[in-house]
């Protein structure tokens, strides 16, 4: 269904392309801000899209990693940039989690120009091989028997990986210690090295570690199992109703010309609809996303949900 939406809107938006071209956009390199360190899922997705979009637009799309504060630093940089189409940000579901725990100088829902919801998936909950558990049920029992002795890595305080674990704690009556890192790459590396015992993180960069036996997968946060890891149960099979949908999207600063936002949607949709990219997304467990309105609704709903988790978990709101 979402693939059909991508196709229909891409065809409609194609009629806007001559107008954008007449305005000579782009006439210089474009900055694609990534609010996390290199190596994580958001960074990988950005680089995969930047190459074909650069070729299509005739200008280089430069990936600019700005990690820190659970993605808030990079997102704020993009939100406060000139709305001229030369600064775009690639976000993930961590954007909405960060918005729930921080006082931001802009409205994270209505203070941006949504461009595209790239796709949705789940996080994969993994443990270091030294942890004596092979299922979510065993993890819960182990954590309850050893309160405060299991550490979990997140991609940063206020990130979706942070709040996903806090939600898990609330729904399973467990005590886990939060260890924040600056991005998915460092967080994943921390678990691989055994600095921390577990994490729930993007599947994209995690799968190679699972195949190599450096990590053990015990659950998926999506409502159903993933086609990429069909033998890994959904956490909801053990904890009814538990789900955290992970996603990727792009937006620009508020006031960005609609014709430029539409052009970006057209170009990204074109890449996502290619056979090569559809195969890649399917292999990484990503379900097709949608247009700017789908991104807006996803952001709006997730921010509200994470604010409830922050309140229930008594997480302090940061300035």
Protein backbone atom coordinates (compact mmCIF):
# COMPACT_ATOMS: atom_id res chain seq x y z
CA UNK A 1 0.00 0.00 0.00
CA UNK A 2 2.72 2.45 0.99
CA UNK A 3 4.68 1.57 -2.17
CA UNK A 4 1.64 2.63 -4.18
CA UNK A 5 1.49 5.89 -2.21
CA UNK A 6 5.16 6.55 -2.96
CA UNK A 7 4.57 5.94 -6.66
CA UNK A 8 1.42 8.04 -6.96
CA UNK A 9 2.86 11.02 -5.13
CA UNK A 10 6.17 10.78 -6.98
CA UNK A 11 4.31 10.97 -10.31
CA UNK A 12 2.25 13.93 -9.11
CA UNK A 13 5.28 15.76 -7.75
CA UNK A 14 7.17 15.24 -11.02
CA UNK A 15 5.06 18.02 -12.50
CA UNK A 16 6.68 20.40 -10.01
CA UNK A 17 10.24 19.60 -11.11
CA UNK A 18 10.42 22.13 -13.99
CA UNK A 19 9.48 24.92 -11.58
CA UNK A 20 12.29 23.91 -9.23
CA UNK A 21 14.72 23.69 -12.13
CA UNK A 22 13.67 27.13 -13.34
CA UNK A 23 14.65 28.53 -9.96
CA UNK A 24 18.08 26.91 -10.36
CA UNK A 25 17.91 24.79 -7.26
CA UNK A 26 20.30 23.42 -6.29
CA UNK A 27 23.24 25.56 -7.37
CA UNK A 28 25.64 24.51 -4.59
CA UNK A 29 26.29 21.47 -2.37
CA UNK A 30 23.55 20.45 0.05
CA UNK A 31 24.21 19.49 3.65
CA UNK A 32 22.47 16.36 4.93
CA UNK A 33 22.79 16.49 8.71
CA UNK A 34 22.98 13.17 10.55
CA UNK A 35 22.45 13.67 14.31
CA UNK A 36 24.53 10.60 15.18
CA UNK A 37 28.05 9.25 14.76
CA UNK A 38 29.18 7.36 11.64
CA UNK A 39 28.35 3.67 11.57
CA UNK A 40 24.81 3.67 12.95
CA UNK A 41 21.59 2.96 11.07
CA UNK A 42 20.75 6.63 10.44
CA UNK A 43 24.23 7.30 9.09
CA UNK A 44 24.17 4.24 6.83
CA UNK A 45 20.76 5.17 5.42
CA UNK A 46 21.94 8.74 4.78
CA UNK A 47 24.97 7.63 2.80
CA UNK A 48 22.96 5.11 0.79
CA UNK A 49 20.56 7.86 -0.32
CA UNK A 50 23.08 10.69 -0.70
CA UNK A 51 24.93 9.15 -3.66
CA UNK A 52 21.99 8.66 -6.08
CA UNK A 53 20.28 11.91 -5.01
CA UNK A 54 23.54 13.80 -5.64
CA UNK A 55 23.69 12.38 -9.15
CA UNK A 56 20.07 13.21 -9.86
CA UNK A 57 20.22 16.78 -8.53
CA UNK A 58 23.60 17.53 -10.08
CA UNK A 59 25.03 18.75 -6.78
CA UNK A 60 26.85 16.92 -4.02
CA UNK A 61 24.82 15.96 -0.96
CA UNK A 62 27.35 16.15 1.87
CA UNK A 63 26.65 13.95 4.91
CA UNK A 64 27.44 15.99 8.03
CA UNK A 65 27.54 13.93 11.26
CA UNK A 66 26.61 16.03 14.30
CA UNK A 67 26.22 13.57 17.20
CA UNK A 68 25.28 14.29 20.77
CA UNK A 69 22.34 14.70 23.17
CA UNK A 70 20.46 11.74 21.71
CA UNK A 71 20.28 13.39 18.31
CA UNK A 72 19.05 16.76 19.62
CA UNK A 73 22.20 18.68 18.63
CA UNK A 74 22.04 17.77 14.95
CA UNK A 75 18.26 18.21 14.76
CA UNK A 76 18.45 21.67 16.33
CA UNK A 77 21.21 22.64 13.91
CA UNK A 78 18.92 21.74 11.02
CA UNK A 79 15.83 23.36 12.54
CA UNK A 80 17.67 26.66 13.00
CA UNK A 81 19.32 26.65 9.55
CA UNK A 82 18.22 28.93 6.74
CA UNK A 83 15.09 27.43 5.12
CA UNK A 84 16.60 27.58 1.65
CA UNK A 85 16.80 23.86 0.91
CA UNK A 86 20.54 23.59 1.49
CA UNK A 87 20.23 21.97 4.92
CA UNK A 88 18.21 18.77 5.31
CA UNK A 89 18.28 16.39 8.26
CA UNK A 90 17.99 12.61 8.32
CA UNK A 91 16.20 11.53 11.48
CA UNK A 92 15.11 8.32 13.08
CA UNK A 93 12.53 7.54 15.74
CA UNK A 94 15.06 8.84 18.28
CA UNK A 95 14.03 12.32 17.17
CA UNK A 96 10.62 11.96 18.82
CA UNK A 97 12.07 10.40 21.96
CA UNK A 98 14.53 13.26 22.32
CA UNK A 99 11.69 15.74 21.87
CA UNK A 100 9.90 14.13 24.82
CA UNK A 101 12.79 14.57 27.28
CA UNK A 102 14.20 17.93 26.24
CA UNK A 103 13.09 21.54 26.19
CA UNK A 104 13.77 22.51 22.59
CA UNK A 105 14.04 26.01 21.08
CA UNK A 106 11.66 24.96 18.30
CA UNK A 107 8.45 22.96 17.94
CA UNK A 108 9.52 19.39 17.01
CA UNK A 109 6.12 18.66 15.44
CA UNK A 110 4.96 21.89 13.78
CA UNK A 111 8.27 23.77 13.62
CA UNK A 112 9.72 21.72 10.74
CA UNK A 113 8.98 20.93 7.08
CA UNK A 114 8.39 17.17 6.73
CA UNK A 115 9.77 15.63 3.52
CA UNK A 116 9.52 11.85 3.60
CA UNK A 117 8.97 8.85 5.88
CA UNK A 118 11.52 6.43 4.45
CA UNK A 119 10.47 3.25 6.19
CA UNK A 120 9.53 1.53 9.44
CA UNK A 121 11.00 -1.44 11.23
CA UNK A 122 11.72 -2.67 14.72
CA UNK A 123 14.70 -2.51 17.01
CA UNK A 124 16.42 -5.79 17.78
CA UNK A 125 17.15 -6.55 21.42
CA UNK A 126 20.56 -8.17 21.73
CA UNK A 127 22.81 -9.34 24.53
CA UNK A 128 26.52 -10.00 24.75
CA UNK A 129 27.22 -13.77 24.52
CA UNK A 130 28.43 -13.73 28.12
CA UNK A 131 24.92 -12.93 29.38
CA UNK A 132 23.27 -16.25 30.36
CA UNK A 133 19.94 -15.67 28.60
CA UNK A 134 18.56 -16.80 25.25
CA UNK A 135 15.07 -15.32 25.33
CA UNK A 136 13.13 -12.32 26.58
CA UNK A 137 11.54 -14.51 29.26
CA UNK A 138 14.98 -15.55 30.51
CA UNK A 139 16.19 -11.94 30.39
CA UNK A 140 13.28 -10.78 32.54
CA UNK A 141 13.92 -13.54 35.09
CA UNK A 142 17.67 -12.81 35.13
CA UNK A 143 17.12 -9.06 35.52
CA UNK A 144 14.58 -9.54 38.32
CA UNK A 145 16.99 -11.86 40.14
CA UNK A 146 19.85 -9.39 39.69
CA UNK A 147 18.30 -5.90 40.00
CA UNK A 148 20.59 -3.08 38.87
CA UNK A 149 23.33 -5.43 37.66
CA UNK A 150 22.50 -5.43 33.95
CA UNK A 151 23.59 -2.43 31.91
CA UNK A 152 22.05 -1.41 28.59
CA UNK A 153 23.53 0.82 25.91
CA UNK A 154 21.58 3.56 24.18
CA UNK A 155 22.54 5.83 21.30
CA UNK A 156 22.19 8.74 23.72
CA UNK A 157 20.10 10.06 26.60
CA UNK A 158 16.63 10.81 25.33
CA UNK A 159 16.98 8.57 22.28
CA UNK A 160 14.44 5.95 21.25
CA UNK A 161 16.85 3.25 22.41
CA UNK A 162 16.87 4.92 25.84
CA UNK A 163 13.09 5.21 26.14
CA UNK A 164 12.49 1.76 24.62
CA UNK A 165 14.42 0.22 27.51
CA UNK A 166 12.61 2.43 30.03
CA UNK A 167 9.30 1.24 28.58
CA UNK A 168 10.55 -2.35 28.81
CA UNK A 169 11.48 -1.79 32.46
CA UNK A 170 8.04 -0.36 33.24
CA UNK A 171 6.22 -3.26 31.59
CA UNK A 172 8.40 -6.04 33.04
CA UNK A 173 9.16 -4.70 36.52
CA UNK A 174 12.91 -4.93 35.98
CA UNK A 175 15.83 -2.70 36.94
CA UNK A 176 18.38 -2.01 34.20
CA UNK A 177 21.17 0.60 34.27
CA UNK A 178 21.37 3.08 31.41
CA UNK A 179 24.75 3.69 29.71
CA UNK A 180 24.42 6.37 26.99
CA UNK A 181 26.74 6.50 23.98
CA UNK A 182 27.01 9.10 21.21
CA UNK A 183 25.34 7.24 18.38
CA UNK A 184 24.46 3.76 17.16
CA UNK A 185 27.97 2.79 16.08
CA UNK A 186 29.56 3.45 19.49
CA UNK A 187 26.60 1.90 21.36
CA UNK A 188 26.73 -1.26 19.30
CA UNK A 189 30.49 -1.43 19.72
CA UNK A 190 30.08 -1.13 23.48
CA UNK A 191 27.93 -4.26 23.58
CA UNK A 192 30.16 -6.17 21.15
CA UNK A 193 33.17 -5.42 23.37
CA UNK A 194 31.27 -6.40 26.51
CA UNK A 195 31.42 -2.93 28.08
CA UNK A 196 27.65 -3.24 28.55
CA UNK A 197 25.50 -6.35 28.50
CA UNK A 198 22.62 -5.48 26.19
CA UNK A 199 20.83 -3.03 23.93
CA UNK A 200 17.80 -2.68 21.68
CA UNK A 201 19.06 -1.03 18.53
CA UNK A 202 18.67 -0.69 14.77
CA UNK A 203 18.78 -3.97 12.85
CA UNK A 204 20.69 -2.47 9.91
CA UNK A 205 24.19 -2.43 11.48
CA UNK A 206 23.50 -5.25 13.95
CA UNK A 207 22.87 -8.16 11.60
CA UNK A 208 26.58 -8.72 10.70
CA UNK A 209 27.41 -9.06 14.42
CA UNK A 210 24.58 -11.57 14.88
CA UNK A 211 25.78 -13.65 11.96
CA UNK A 212 29.34 -13.61 13.31
CA UNK A 213 28.20 -14.69 16.78
CA UNK A 214 29.42 -11.51 18.46
CA UNK A 215 25.90 -10.77 19.72
CA UNK A 216 22.80 -12.82 20.50
CA UNK A 217 19.35 -11.62 19.43
CA UNK A 218 16.49 -12.33 21.83
CA UNK A 219 13.63 -10.13 20.64
CA UNK A 220 12.23 -7.65 18.11
CA UNK A 221 10.37 -4.52 19.23
CA UNK A 222 8.09 -4.50 16.16
CA UNK A 223 4.54 -5.84 16.75
CA UNK A 224 5.38 -8.86 14.58
CA UNK A 225 8.50 -10.83 13.71
CA UNK A 226 10.85 -9.47 11.09
CA UNK A 227 11.30 -11.21 7.74
CA UNK A 228 15.03 -10.58 8.13
CA UNK A 229 15.24 -12.36 11.50
CA UNK A 230 12.24 -14.72 11.36
CA UNK A 231 13.52 -16.94 14.16
CA UNK A 232 13.73 -14.03 16.61
CA UNK A 233 10.40 -13.61 18.45
CA UNK A 234 8.63 -10.28 18.79
CA UNK A 235 8.97 -9.09 22.39
CA UNK A 236 5.16 -8.81 22.37
CA UNK A 237 5.02 -12.62 22.28
CA UNK A 238 6.35 -12.55 25.85
CA UNK A 239 5.25 -9.06 26.96
CA UNK A 240 1.78 -8.57 25.44
CA UNK A 241 1.27 -5.17 23.84
CA UNK A 242 4.94 -4.17 23.92
CA UNK A 243 6.10 -2.46 20.75
CA UNK A 244 8.53 0.21 19.63
CA UNK A 245 8.44 1.10 15.95
CA UNK A 246 11.75 2.35 14.63
CA UNK A 247 11.76 4.49 11.49
CA UNK A 248 13.78 6.82 9.29
CA UNK A 249 12.68 10.11 7.77
CA UNK A 250 13.87 13.45 6.44
CA UNK A 251 12.78 17.02 7.06
CA UNK A 252 13.94 20.57 6.45
CA UNK A 253 13.65 23.82 8.42
CA UNK A 254 10.25 25.45 8.83
CA UNK A 255 9.65 27.83 5.93
CA UNK A 256 11.53 25.71 3.42
CA UNK A 257 9.83 26.31 0.03
CA UNK A 258 7.24 23.62 -0.65
CA UNK A 259 8.54 23.20 -4.21
CA UNK A 260 11.99 22.29 -2.83
CA UNK A 261 10.52 19.94 -0.22
CA UNK A 262 8.46 18.33 -3.01
CA UNK A 263 11.53 18.00 -5.21
CA UNK A 264 13.38 16.25 -2.38
CA UNK A 265 10.46 13.91 -1.83
CA UNK A 266 10.40 13.12 -5.53
CA UNK A 267 14.12 12.34 -5.63
CA UNK A 268 14.12 10.21 -2.48
CA UNK A 269 10.98 8.35 -3.58
CA UNK A 270 12.64 7.66 -6.93
CA UNK A 271 15.58 6.01 -5.15
CA UNK A 272 13.34 4.06 -2.77
CA UNK A 273 11.26 2.73 -5.67
CA UNK A 274 14.28 1.39 -7.55
CA UNK A 275 14.54 -2.40 -7.63
CA UNK A 276 17.97 -2.29 -6.02
CA UNK A 277 16.79 -0.14 -3.11
CA UNK A 278 13.57 -2.08 -2.58
CA UNK A 279 15.65 -5.25 -2.30
CA UNK A 280 18.03 -3.58 0.13
CA UNK A 281 15.23 -2.25 2.33
CA UNK A 282 13.51 -5.64 2.32
CA UNK A 283 16.78 -7.35 3.28
CA UNK A 284 17.13 -4.93 6.19
CA UNK A 285 13.58 -5.45 7.43
CA UNK A 286 12.25 -2.01 6.48
CA UNK A 287 8.62 -1.63 5.48
CA UNK A 288 7.85 1.20 2.98
CA UNK A 289 7.08 4.56 4.56
CA UNK A 290 5.22 7.40 2.86
CA UNK A 291 5.05 11.10 2.12
CA UNK A 292 5.39 14.20 4.30
CA UNK A 293 1.94 13.77 5.81
CA UNK A 294 2.88 10.26 7.00
CA UNK A 295 6.07 11.58 8.59
CA UNK A 296 4.11 14.36 10.30
CA UNK A 297 1.57 11.94 11.80
CA UNK A 298 4.31 9.55 12.89
CA UNK A 299 6.22 12.35 14.65
CA UNK A 300 3.10 13.75 16.29
CA UNK A 301 1.95 10.37 17.61
CA UNK A 302 5.36 9.25 18.83
CA UNK A 303 6.12 12.50 20.68
CA UNK A 304 2.85 12.18 22.60
CA UNK A 305 3.54 8.53 23.43
CA UNK A 306 7.10 9.11 24.62
CA UNK A 307 5.99 12.00 26.81
CA UNK A 308 3.74 9.54 28.65
CA UNK A 309 6.68 7.13 29.10
CA UNK A 310 8.91 9.94 30.37
CA UNK A 311 6.26 10.86 32.93
CA UNK A 312 5.64 7.28 34.08
CA UNK A 313 9.37 6.48 34.29
CA UNK A 314 9.99 9.76 36.16
CA UNK A 315 12.70 10.81 33.71
CA UNK A 316 13.93 14.34 34.29
CA UNK A 317 13.24 16.82 31.50
CA UNK A 318 16.51 18.30 30.26
CA UNK A 319 17.10 21.88 29.17
